[in-house]
Amino acid sequence: MAKKPVLVVMAAGMGSRYGGLKQIDPVGSQGEAILDYSIYDAHQAGFDTVVIIIKEAIKDDFLSTVGARLKKAPVEIRYAYQELTAIPEGYSIPEGRTKPFGTGHAVLCAKEAIDGAPFAVINADDYYGKHAFQVIYDQLSKTQDPYGYCMVGYEMSKTVTENGSVARGICVTDENGYLTEVTERTRIEQYEGGIHFTEDGENWVDVAADTIVSMNMWGFMPSFLAEIEKRFVTFLNTTLVQNPLKGEYFLPLPVSQLISEGKATVKVLTSPDRWYGVTYAADKPVVMAALKDMTQKGLYPDGLWG
């Protein structure tokens, strides 16, 4: 019998632009973090097991706040740890490097906790909305193809903030709704005439408001773990030479490689919901107001875990 899909939550990033541990920052009426709302929505969609990826450095803070609350949640919580030192034998950490190797590396660190199940991956500090969890759970539950992956895409205009730039994966799909490429753009901003991005800080390229972007909500079959493990070695061989202090193994990289090789397909599911997130400290009141409004409308109980 096939294993039920599990939810993997990436919570190891320290939030440099935000300035603090935004993964555990309270935004709900009873002190809940965005992560609590995601787990609540995921459980309603059918997920019974949640793997949370953190760093040993934040373990005590995390377990005494979010972890303590989640003991009341009706899901099994497992923890995985993303550490800079979690690299294959024969490799060494470049002198001066302090941060782990990005989102692909984070998922790799959770391999044992995922335990061979299909899995969805999300960021801890992004609010995705109820619809996204339902469509990704349903897709993972019915997929028979071991290389049939999926993602939930959002319209660009629903994922930007007025308080600065954001990083997004800009997606291109074919006529059947499958991903053909995803390009990580690390500086996307709103301006009076629309939305644009820059790679060099000088030249800007406009992006249509309805462009589908990735918010790091991916759905994978177990095959993906073997693939990223193999490809991480190739990444290290290049990065440890070319960009040893800052090179990151982002999830879109192996996904794009598998698509271009014709080895995997990625069905793009879409959500009509607005994204909310705390990229900057000034975003927090906006998120709190939105969640309060949703609670007043009955979408959430006042106090998620009773």
C-alpha atoms as a PDB file:
ATOM      1  CA  MET A   1       0.000   0.000   0.000  1.00  0.00           C
ATOM      2  CA  ALA A   2       1.324   3.427  -0.988  1.00  0.00           C
ATOM      3  CA  LYS A   3       2.325   5.755   1.830  1.00  0.00           C
ATOM      4  CA  LYS A   4       0.235   8.862   2.492  1.00  0.00           C
ATOM      5  CA  PRO A   5       1.810  12.172   1.430  1.00  0.00           C
ATOM      6  CA  VAL A   6       3.727  14.038   4.122  1.00  0.00           C
ATOM      7  CA  LEU A   7       4.311  17.774   4.435  1.00  0.00           C
ATOM      8  CA  VAL A   8       7.890  19.071   4.638  1.00  0.00           C
ATOM      9  CA  VAL A   9       8.343  22.563   6.091  1.00  0.00           C
ATOM     10  CA  MET A  10      11.611  24.440   5.518  1.00  0.00           C
ATOM     11  CA  ALA A  11      12.238  26.496   8.650  1.00  0.00           C
ATOM     12  CA  ALA A  12      16.039  26.548   8.832  1.00  0.00           C
ATOM     13  CA  GLY A  13      16.592  29.979   7.243  1.00  0.00           C
ATOM     14  CA  MET A  14      17.334  32.740   9.735  1.00  0.00           C
ATOM     15  CA  GLY A  15      15.585  35.516   7.801  1.00  0.00           C
ATOM     16  CA  SER A  16      18.413  37.951   7.107  1.00  0.00           C
ATOM     17  CA  ARG A  17      16.254  40.586   5.378  1.00  0.00           C
ATOM     18  CA  TYR A  18      13.688  40.415   8.161  1.00  0.00           C
ATOM     19  CA  GLY A  19      16.122  40.523  11.043  1.00  0.00           C
ATOM     20  CA  GLY A  20      15.231  37.661  13.352  1.00  0.00           C
ATOM     21  CA  LEU A  21      13.515  34.323  13.654  1.00  0.00           C
ATOM     22  CA  LYS A  22      10.474  35.050  11.526  1.00  0.00           C
ATOM     23  CA  GLN A  23       9.574  31.339  11.456  1.00  0.00           C
ATOM     24  CA  ILE A  24       8.432  31.603  15.082  1.00  0.00           C
ATOM     25  CA  ASP A  25       7.182  35.192  15.111  1.00  0.00           C
ATOM     26  CA  PRO A  26       3.559  35.335  16.351  1.00  0.00           C
ATOM     27  CA  VAL A  27       0.942  36.578  13.869  1.00  0.00           C
ATOM     28  CA  GLY A  28      -2.212  34.877  15.195  1.00  0.00           C
ATOM     29  CA  SER A  29      -4.457  35.893  18.084  1.00  0.00           C
ATOM     30  CA  GLN A  30      -3.090  33.128  20.347  1.00  0.00           C
ATOM     31  CA  GLY A  31       0.541  33.605  19.368  1.00  0.00           C
ATOM     32  CA  GLU A  32       0.468  31.321  16.321  1.00  0.00           C
ATOM     33  CA  ALA A  33       3.136  31.690  13.639  1.00  0.00           C
ATOM     34  CA  ILE A  34       2.391  31.489   9.891  1.00  0.00           C
ATOM     35  CA  LEU A  35       3.657  27.927  10.119  1.00  0.00           C
ATOM     36  CA  ASP A  36       0.765  26.991  12.441  1.00  0.00           C
ATOM     37  CA  TYR A  37      -1.745  28.130   9.833  1.00  0.00           C
ATOM     38  CA  SER A  38      -0.019  26.100   7.120  1.00  0.00           C
ATOM     39  CA  ILE A  39      -0.063  22.967   9.262  1.00  0.00           C
ATOM     40  CA  TYR A  40      -3.726  23.572  10.145  1.00  0.00           C
ATOM     41  CA  ASP A  41      -4.633  23.924   6.449  1.00  0.00           C
ATOM     42  CA  ALA A  42      -2.486  20.926   5.501  1.00  0.00           C
ATOM     43  CA  HIS A  43      -4.186  18.707   8.082  1.00  0.00           C
ATOM     44  CA  GLN A  44      -7.612  19.748   6.842  1.00  0.00           C
ATOM     45  CA  ALA A  45      -6.488  18.787   3.332  1.00  0.00           C
ATOM     46  CA  GLY A  46      -5.432  15.296   4.492  1.00  0.00           C
ATOM     47  CA  PHE A  47      -1.809  15.488   5.655  1.00  0.00           C
ATOM     48  CA  ASP A  48      -1.230  13.555   8.897  1.00  0.00           C
ATOM     49  CA  THR A  49       2.571  13.819   9.114  1.00  0.00           C
ATOM     50  CA  VAL A  50       4.674  16.994   9.074  1.00  0.00           C
ATOM     51  CA  VAL A  51       8.478  17.108   8.837  1.00  0.00           C
ATOM     52  CA  ILE A  52       9.915  20.425  10.034  1.00  0.00           C
ATOM     53  CA  ILE A  53      13.471  21.271   8.992  1.00  0.00           C
ATOM     54  CA  ILE A  54      15.306  23.518  11.447  1.00  0.00           C
ATOM     55  CA  LYS A  55      18.889  24.201  12.518  1.00  0.00           C
ATOM     56  CA  GLU A  56      20.389  22.967  15.783  1.00  0.00           C
ATOM     57  CA  ALA A  57      21.118  26.647  16.590  1.00  0.00           C
ATOM     58  CA  ILE A  58      17.391  27.478  16.809  1.00  0.00           C
ATOM     59  CA  LYS A  59      16.234  24.127  18.191  1.00  0.00           C
ATOM     60  CA  ASP A  60      15.600  25.289  21.772  1.00  0.00           C
ATOM     61  CA  ASP A  61      13.791  28.485  20.719  1.00  0.00           C
ATOM     62  CA  PHE A  62      11.728  26.598  18.172  1.00  0.00           C
ATOM     63  CA  LEU A  63      10.739  23.676  20.376  1.00  0.00           C
ATOM     64  CA  SER A  64       9.794  25.935  23.298  1.00  0.00           C
ATOM     65  CA  THR A  65       7.453  28.055  21.141  1.00  0.00           C
ATOM     66  CA  VAL A  66       6.114  26.502  17.935  1.00  0.00           C
ATOM     67  CA  GLY A  67       7.040  22.981  19.014  1.00  0.00           C
ATOM     68  CA  ALA A  68       5.197  23.312  22.306  1.00  0.00           C
ATOM     69  CA  ARG A  69       2.048  24.507  20.531  1.00  0.00           C
ATOM     70  CA  LEU A  70       2.216  21.790  17.902  1.00  0.00           C
ATOM     71  CA  LYS A  71       2.081  19.078  20.569  1.00  0.00           C
ATOM     72  CA  LYS A  72      -1.659  19.861  20.613  1.00  0.00           C
ATOM     73  CA  ALA A  73      -1.990  19.605  16.822  1.00  0.00           C
ATOM     74  CA  PRO A  74      -3.657  16.442  15.454  1.00  0.00           C
ATOM     75  CA  VAL A  75      -0.635  15.552  13.302  1.00  0.00           C
ATOM     76  CA  GLU A  76       2.631  13.667  13.799  1.00  0.00           C
ATOM     77  CA  ILE A  77       5.530  16.133  13.926  1.00  0.00           C
ATOM     78  CA  ARG A  78       9.019  14.967  12.953  1.00  0.00           C
ATOM     79  CA  TYR A  79      12.130  17.149  13.011  1.00  0.00           C
ATOM     80  CA  ALA A  80      15.073  17.182  10.619  1.00  0.00           C
ATOM     81  CA  TYR A  81      18.175  19.358  10.923  1.00  0.00           C
ATOM     82  CA  GLN A  82      19.887  21.290   8.148  1.00  0.00           C
ATOM     83  CA  GLU A  83      23.499  21.868   9.079  1.00  0.00           C
ATOM     84  CA  LEU A  84      26.324  23.277   7.015  1.00  0.00           C
ATOM     85  CA  THR A  85      28.322  20.153   7.848  1.00  0.00           C
ATOM     86  CA  ALA A  86      25.751  17.809   6.246  1.00  0.00           C
ATOM     87  CA  ILE A  87      27.681  17.238   3.046  1.00  0.00           C
ATOM     88  CA  PRO A  88      28.958  14.053   1.383  1.00  0.00           C
ATOM     89  CA  GLU A  89      32.107  12.334   2.573  1.00  0.00           C
ATOM     90  CA  GLY A  90      35.275  13.651   0.964  1.00  0.00           C
ATOM     91  CA  TYR A  91      34.104  17.277   0.845  1.00  0.00           C
ATOM     92  CA  SER A  92      35.041  20.009   3.288  1.00  0.00           C
ATOM     93  CA  ILE A  93      33.328  23.262   4.265  1.00  0.00           C
ATOM     94  CA  PRO A  94      34.983  26.317   2.658  1.00  0.00           C
ATOM     95  CA  GLU A  95      36.719  28.514   5.223  1.00  0.00           C
ATOM     96  CA  GLY A  96      34.500  31.490   6.059  1.00  0.00           C
ATOM     97  CA  ARG A  97      31.227  29.887   4.933  1.00  0.00           C
ATOM     98  CA  THR A  98      28.498  30.210   7.566  1.00  0.00           C
ATOM     99  CA  LYS A  99      25.208  29.357   5.839  1.00  0.00           C
ATOM    100  CA  PRO A 100      23.936  25.957   4.643  1.00  0.00           C
ATOM    101  CA  PHE A 101      23.528  25.186   0.955  1.00  0.00           C
ATOM    102  CA  GLY A 102      19.938  26.289   0.239  1.00  0.00           C
ATOM    103  CA  THR A 103      16.517  24.711  -0.204  1.00  0.00           C
ATOM    104  CA  GLY A 104      17.610  21.630  -2.167  1.00  0.00           C
ATOM    105  CA  HIS A 105      20.117  20.849   0.575  1.00  0.00           C
ATOM    106  CA  ALA A 106      17.391  21.375   3.222  1.00  0.00           C
ATOM    107  CA  VAL A 107      15.129  18.754   1.628  1.00  0.00           C
ATOM    108  CA  LEU A 108      18.070  16.364   1.358  1.00  0.00           C
ATOM    109  CA  CYS A 109      18.651  16.749   5.116  1.00  0.00           C
ATOM    110  CA  ALA A 110      15.034  15.574   5.680  1.00  0.00           C
ATOM    111  CA  LYS A 111      15.420  12.383   3.624  1.00  0.00           C
ATOM    112  CA  GLU A 112      15.230   9.957   6.551  1.00  0.00           C
ATOM    113  CA  ALA A 113      12.258  11.689   8.154  1.00  0.00           C
ATOM    114  CA  ILE A 114      10.318  11.659   4.850  1.00  0.00           C
ATOM    115  CA  ASP A 115      10.800   7.871   4.887  1.00  0.00           C
ATOM    116  CA  GLY A 116       9.924   7.036   1.296  1.00  0.00           C
ATOM    117  CA  ALA A 117       6.566   8.839   1.130  1.00  0.00           C
ATOM    118  CA  PRO A 118       5.356  11.294  -1.523  1.00  0.00           C
ATOM    119  CA  PHE A 119       5.834  14.758  -0.067  1.00  0.00           C
ATOM    120  CA  ALA A 120       4.929  18.422  -0.415  1.00  0.00           C
ATOM    121  CA  VAL A 121       7.532  21.087   0.420  1.00  0.00           C
ATOM    122  CA  ILE A 122       6.770  24.597   1.684  1.00  0.00           C
ATOM    123  CA  ASN A 123       8.521  27.556   3.304  1.00  0.00           C
ATOM    124  CA  ALA A 124       7.753  28.097   6.992  1.00  0.00           C
ATOM    125  CA  ASP A 125       7.234  31.844   6.598  1.00  0.00           C
ATOM    126  CA  ASP A 126       4.814  31.892   3.646  1.00  0.00           C
ATOM    127  CA  TYR A 127       1.034  31.764   3.959  1.00  0.00           C
ATOM    128  CA  TYR A 128      -0.242  29.691   1.029  1.00  0.00           C
ATOM    129  CA  GLY A 129      -4.012  29.490   1.619  1.00  0.00           C
ATOM    130  CA  LYS A 130      -6.311  26.477   2.078  1.00  0.00           C
ATOM    131  CA  HIS A 131      -6.829  25.753  -1.609  1.00  0.00           C
ATOM    132  CA  ALA A 132      -3.129  25.113  -2.298  1.00  0.00           C
ATOM    133  CA  PHE A 133      -2.844  22.353   0.311  1.00  0.00           C
ATOM    134  CA  GLN A 134      -5.965  20.622  -0.966  1.00  0.00           C
ATOM    135  CA  VAL A 135      -4.879  20.552  -4.616  1.00  0.00           C
ATOM    136  CA  ILE A 136      -1.339  19.398  -3.859  1.00  0.00           C
ATOM    137  CA  TYR A 137      -2.506  16.678  -1.450  1.00  0.00           C
ATOM    138  CA  ASP A 138      -5.023  15.387  -3.995  1.00  0.00           C
ATOM    139  CA  GLN A 139      -2.421  15.392  -6.774  1.00  0.00           C
ATOM    140  CA  LEU A 140       0.199  13.546  -4.697  1.00  0.00           C
ATOM    141  CA  SER A 141      -2.386  11.002  -3.537  1.00  0.00           C
ATOM    142  CA  LYS A 142      -3.403   9.996  -7.054  1.00  0.00           C
ATOM    143  CA  THR A 143      -0.038  10.181  -8.878  1.00  0.00           C
ATOM    144  CA  GLN A 144       1.188   6.786 -10.117  1.00  0.00           C
ATOM    145  CA  ASP A 145       4.192   8.025 -12.089  1.00  0.00           C
ATOM    146  CA  PRO A 146       7.369   7.822  -9.923  1.00  0.00           C
ATOM    147  CA  TYR A 147       8.654  10.922 -11.755  1.00  0.00           C
ATOM    148  CA  GLY A 148       5.333  12.768 -11.878  1.00  0.00           C
ATOM    149  CA  TYR A 149       5.911  15.854  -9.718  1.00  0.00           C
ATOM    150  CA  CYS A 150       3.806  18.978  -9.227  1.00  0.00           C
ATOM    151  CA  MET A 151       3.891  22.512  -7.851  1.00  0.00           C
ATOM    152  CA  VAL A 152       1.372  25.170  -6.878  1.00  0.00           C
ATOM    153  CA  GLY A 153       1.808  28.417  -8.764  1.00  0.00           C
ATOM    154  CA  TYR A 154       0.536  31.880  -7.894  1.00  0.00           C
ATOM    155  CA  GLU A 155      -0.081  34.983  -9.970  1.00  0.00           C
ATOM    156  CA  MET A 156       2.873  37.346  -9.573  1.00  0.00           C
ATOM    157  CA  SER A 157       0.671  40.278  -8.514  1.00  0.00           C
ATOM    158  CA  LYS A 158      -0.588  38.259  -5.519  1.00  0.00           C
ATOM    159  CA  THR A 159       2.905  37.527  -4.219  1.00  0.00           C
ATOM    160  CA  VAL A 160       4.707  40.881  -4.009  1.00  0.00           C
ATOM    161  CA  THR A 161       5.130  43.249  -1.065  1.00  0.00           C
ATOM    162  CA  GLU A 162       5.137  47.045  -0.948  1.00  0.00           C
ATOM    163  CA  ASN A 163       8.071  46.945   1.456  1.00  0.00           C
ATOM    164  CA  GLY A 164      10.913  45.863  -0.810  1.00  0.00           C
ATOM    165  CA  SER A 165      12.068  43.197  -3.218  1.00  0.00           C
ATOM    166  CA  VAL A 166      11.186  39.492  -3.176  1.00  0.00           C
ATOM    167  CA  ALA A 167      12.715  36.381  -4.728  1.00  0.00           C
ATOM    168  CA  ARG A 168      10.439  34.221  -6.891  1.00  0.00           C
ATOM    169  CA  GLY A 169      10.770  31.404  -9.396  1.00  0.00           C
ATOM    170  CA  ILE A 170       9.269  32.627 -12.674  1.00  0.00           C
ATOM    171  CA  CYS A 171       7.536  29.725 -14.421  1.00  0.00           C
ATOM    172  CA  VAL A 172       6.921  28.855 -18.058  1.00  0.00           C
ATOM    173  CA  THR A 173       4.363  26.131 -18.845  1.00  0.00           C
ATOM    174  CA  ASP A 174       3.356  24.218 -21.967  1.00  0.00           C
ATOM    175  CA  GLU A 175      -0.156  24.031 -23.432  1.00  0.00           C
ATOM    176  CA  ASN A 176      -1.016  21.120 -21.104  1.00  0.00           C
ATOM    177  CA  GLY A 177      -0.085  22.969 -17.916  1.00  0.00           C
ATOM    178  CA  TYR A 178       3.268  21.277 -17.335  1.00  0.00           C
ATOM    179  CA  LEU A 179       6.326  23.231 -16.264  1.00  0.00           C
ATOM    180  CA  THR A 180       8.934  23.714 -18.988  1.00  0.00           C
ATOM    181  CA  GLU A 181      11.270  25.982 -17.039  1.00  0.00           C
ATOM    182  CA  VAL A 182      11.532  27.886 -13.783  1.00  0.00           C
ATOM    183  CA  THR A 183      14.032  30.705 -13.316  1.00  0.00           C
ATOM    184  CA  GLU A 184      14.879  32.030  -9.872  1.00  0.00           C
ATOM    185  CA  ARG A 185      14.776  35.846  -9.825  1.00  0.00           C
ATOM    186  CA  THR A 186      16.159  37.167  -6.574  1.00  0.00           C
ATOM    187  CA  ARG A 187      15.137  40.821  -6.863  1.00  0.00           C
ATOM    188  CA  ILE A 188      11.535  41.460  -7.972  1.00  0.00           C
ATOM    189  CA  GLU A 189       9.870  44.744  -7.028  1.00  0.00           C
ATOM    190  CA  GLN A 190       6.616  46.622  -7.490  1.00  0.00           C
ATOM    191  CA  TYR A 191       6.774  50.085  -9.009  1.00  0.00           C
ATOM    192  CA  GLU A 192       4.154  52.619 -10.051  1.00  0.00           C
ATOM    193  CA  GLY A 193       3.732  51.132 -13.519  1.00  0.00           C
ATOM    194  CA  GLY A 194       3.781  47.452 -12.589  1.00  0.00           C
ATOM    195  CA  ILE A 195       6.256  44.774 -11.504  1.00  0.00           C
ATOM    196  CA  HIS A 196       9.832  44.277 -12.675  1.00  0.00           C
ATOM    197  CA  PHE A 197      13.041  42.436 -11.798  1.00  0.00           C
ATOM    198  CA  THR A 198      16.760  43.066 -12.083  1.00  0.00           C
ATOM    199  CA  GLU A 199      19.805  40.815 -12.095  1.00  0.00           C
ATOM    200  CA  ASP A 200      22.466  43.508 -11.910  1.00  0.00           C
ATOM    201  CA  GLY A 201      20.717  46.328 -10.018  1.00  0.00           C
ATOM    202  CA  GLU A 202      20.703  48.606 -13.082  1.00  0.00           C
ATOM    203  CA  ASN A 203      18.716  47.000 -15.879  1.00  0.00           C
ATOM    204  CA  TRP A 204      15.069  46.171 -15.166  1.00  0.00           C
ATOM    205  CA  VAL A 205      12.740  43.755 -16.984  1.00  0.00           C
ATOM    206  CA  ASP A 206       8.958  44.068 -16.677  1.00  0.00           C
ATOM    207  CA  VAL A 207       6.890  41.030 -15.642  1.00  0.00           C
ATOM    208  CA  ALA A 208       3.154  40.650 -16.393  1.00  0.00           C
ATOM    209  CA  ALA A 209       0.943  40.696 -13.284  1.00  0.00           C
ATOM    210  CA  ASP A 210      -0.565  37.286 -14.137  1.00  0.00           C
ATOM    211  CA  THR A 211       2.804  35.543 -14.641  1.00  0.00           C
ATOM    212  CA  ILE A 212       2.800  32.270 -12.692  1.00  0.00           C
ATOM    213  CA  VAL A 213       5.510  32.128 -10.051  1.00  0.00           C
ATOM    214  CA  SER A 214       6.732  29.448  -7.694  1.00  0.00           C
ATOM    215  CA  MET A 215       6.446  30.119  -3.972  1.00  0.00           C
ATOM    216  CA  ASN A 216       8.416  26.967  -3.138  1.00  0.00           C
ATOM    217  CA  MET A 217       5.312  24.795  -2.833  1.00  0.00           C
ATOM    218  CA  TRP A 218       6.418  21.629  -4.558  1.00  0.00           C
ATOM    219  CA  GLY A 219       5.028  18.110  -4.688  1.00  0.00           C
ATOM    220  CA  PHE A 220       7.492  15.257  -5.158  1.00  0.00           C
ATOM    221  CA  MET A 221       7.544  11.489  -5.347  1.00  0.00           C
ATOM    222  CA  PRO A 222      10.255   9.608  -3.388  1.00  0.00           C
ATOM    223  CA  SER A 223      12.411   9.394  -6.548  1.00  0.00           C
ATOM    224  CA  PHE A 224      13.257  13.080  -6.138  1.00  0.00           C
ATOM    225  CA  LEU A 225      15.354  12.422  -3.034  1.00  0.00           C
ATOM    226  CA  ALA A 226      17.692  10.054  -4.875  1.00  0.00           C
ATOM    227  CA  GLU A 227      17.975  12.574  -7.709  1.00  0.00           C
ATOM    228  CA  ILE A 228      18.877  15.558  -5.525  1.00  0.00           C
ATOM    229  CA  GLU A 229      21.382  13.483  -3.566  1.00  0.00           C
ATOM    230  CA  LYS A 230      23.201  12.553  -6.771  1.00  0.00           C
ATOM    231  CA  ARG A 231      23.006  16.069  -8.216  1.00  0.00           C
ATOM    232  CA  PHE A 232      24.146  17.743  -5.004  1.00  0.00           C
ATOM    233  CA  VAL A 233      27.604  16.224  -5.560  1.00  0.00           C
ATOM    234  CA  THR A 234      27.741  17.780  -9.049  1.00  0.00           C
ATOM    235  CA  PHE A 235      26.625  21.108  -7.574  1.00  0.00           C
ATOM    236  CA  LEU A 236      29.367  20.998  -4.922  1.00  0.00           C
ATOM    237  CA  ASN A 237      32.045  20.196  -7.501  1.00  0.00           C
ATOM    238  CA  THR A 238      31.204  23.446  -9.305  1.00  0.00           C
ATOM    239  CA  THR A 239      30.192  25.710  -6.413  1.00  0.00           C
ATOM    240  CA  LEU A 240      33.091  24.974  -4.089  1.00  0.00           C
ATOM    241  CA  VAL A 241      35.326  26.337  -6.851  1.00  0.00           C
ATOM    242  CA  GLN A 242      33.209  29.168  -8.301  1.00  0.00           C
ATOM    243  CA  ASN A 243      31.172  30.505  -5.363  1.00  0.00           C
ATOM    244  CA  PRO A 244      32.358  28.747  -2.190  1.00  0.00           C
ATOM    245  CA  LEU A 245      30.945  31.194   0.376  1.00  0.00           C
ATOM    246  CA  LYS A 246      27.483  31.880  -1.019  1.00  0.00           C
ATOM    247  CA  GLY A 247      26.522  29.317  -3.677  1.00  0.00           C
ATOM    248  CA  GLU A 248      23.105  27.765  -2.947  1.00  0.00           C
ATOM    249  CA  TYR A 249      21.469  24.572  -4.180  1.00  0.00           C
ATOM    250  CA  PHE A 250      17.965  25.934  -4.850  1.00  0.00           C
ATOM    251  CA  LEU A 251      15.156  23.415  -5.474  1.00  0.00           C
ATOM    252  CA  PRO A 252      14.376  24.816  -8.964  1.00  0.00           C
ATOM    253  CA  LEU A 253      17.856  23.735 -10.147  1.00  0.00           C
ATOM    254  CA  PRO A 254      17.390  19.935  -9.960  1.00  0.00           C
ATOM    255  CA  VAL A 255      13.743  20.337 -11.018  1.00  0.00           C
ATOM    256  CA  SER A 256      14.828  22.212 -14.166  1.00  0.00           C
ATOM    257  CA  GLN A 257      17.523  19.632 -14.878  1.00  0.00           C
ATOM    258  CA  LEU A 258      15.070  16.729 -14.628  1.00  0.00           C
ATOM    259  CA  ILE A 259      12.603  18.483 -16.923  1.00  0.00           C
ATOM    260  CA  SER A 260      15.236  19.339 -19.534  1.00  0.00           C
ATOM    261  CA  GLU A 261      16.487  15.736 -19.498  1.00  0.00           C
ATOM    262  CA  GLY A 262      12.927  14.513 -20.110  1.00  0.00           C
ATOM    263  CA  LYS A 263      13.144  12.448 -16.929  1.00  0.00           C
ATOM    264  CA  ALA A 264      10.393  14.125 -14.883  1.00  0.00           C
ATOM    265  CA  THR A 265       7.215  16.129 -15.422  1.00  0.00           C
ATOM    266  CA  VAL A 266       5.922  18.871 -13.134  1.00  0.00           C
ATOM    267  CA  LYS A 267       2.185  19.551 -13.264  1.00  0.00           C
ATOM    268  CA  VAL A 268       1.492  23.205 -12.435  1.00  0.00           C
ATOM    269  CA  LEU A 269      -1.511  23.483 -10.126  1.00  0.00           C
ATOM    270  CA  THR A 270      -2.716  27.006  -9.497  1.00  0.00           C
ATOM    271  CA  SER A 271      -4.208  28.744  -6.497  1.00  0.00           C
ATOM    272  CA  PRO A 272      -6.550  31.741  -6.606  1.00  0.00           C
ATOM    273  CA  ASP A 273      -5.486  32.717  -3.074  1.00  0.00           C
ATOM    274  CA  ARG A 274      -3.356  35.664  -2.177  1.00  0.00           C
ATOM    275  CA  TRP A 275       0.036  34.882  -0.721  1.00  0.00           C
ATOM    276  CA  TYR A 276       0.994  36.485   2.569  1.00  0.00           C
ATOM    277  CA  GLY A 277       4.480  36.472   3.978  1.00  0.00           C
ATOM    278  CA  VAL A 278       6.839  38.284   6.274  1.00  0.00           C
ATOM    279  CA  THR A 279       9.835  39.096   4.095  1.00  0.00           C
ATOM    280  CA  TYR A 280      10.318  42.401   5.933  1.00  0.00           C
ATOM    281  CA  ALA A 281       9.334  43.530   9.433  1.00  0.00           C
ATOM    282  CA  ALA A 282       6.867  46.007   7.873  1.00  0.00           C
ATOM    283  CA  ASP A 283       4.966  43.073   6.300  1.00  0.00           C
ATOM    284  CA  LYS A 284       3.936  41.680   9.670  1.00  0.00           C
ATOM    285  CA  PRO A 285       0.952  44.006  10.391  1.00  0.00           C
ATOM    286  CA  VAL A 286      -0.467  43.211   6.923  1.00  0.00           C
ATOM    287  CA  VAL A 287      -0.298  39.464   7.596  1.00  0.00           C
ATOM    288  CA  MET A 288      -1.802  39.845  11.078  1.00  0.00           C
ATOM    289  CA  ALA A 289      -4.708  41.912   9.727  1.00  0.00           C
ATOM    290  CA  ALA A 290      -5.399  39.387   6.947  1.00  0.00           C
ATOM    291  CA  LEU A 291      -5.420  36.425   9.348  1.00  0.00           C
ATOM    292  CA  LYS A 292      -7.635  38.300  11.801  1.00  0.00           C
ATOM    293  CA  ASP A 293     -10.083  39.004   8.975  1.00  0.00           C
ATOM    294  CA  MET A 294     -10.090  35.324   7.899  1.00  0.00           C
ATOM    295  CA  THR A 295     -10.684  34.269  11.505  1.00  0.00           C
ATOM    296  CA  GLN A 296     -13.605  36.680  11.832  1.00  0.00           C
ATOM    297  CA  LYS A 297     -15.067  35.230   8.625  1.00  0.00           C
ATOM    298  CA  GLY A 298     -14.880  31.734  10.124  1.00  0.00           C
ATOM    299  CA  LEU A 299     -12.061  30.334   7.992  1.00  0.00           C
ATOM    300  CA  TYR A 300     -10.040  29.648  11.134  1.00  0.00           C
ATOM    301  CA  PRO A 301     -10.959  29.115  14.790  1.00  0.00           C
ATOM    302  CA  ASP A 302      -9.747  31.764  17.234  1.00  0.00           C
ATOM    303  CA  GLY A 303      -6.911  29.629  18.559  1.00  0.00           C
ATOM    304  CA  LEU A 304      -5.915  26.967  16.044  1.00  0.00           C
ATOM    305  CA  TRP A 305      -5.067  24.198  18.498  1.00  0.00           C
ATOM    306  CA  GLY A 306      -7.830  24.702  21.031  1.00  0.00           C
END
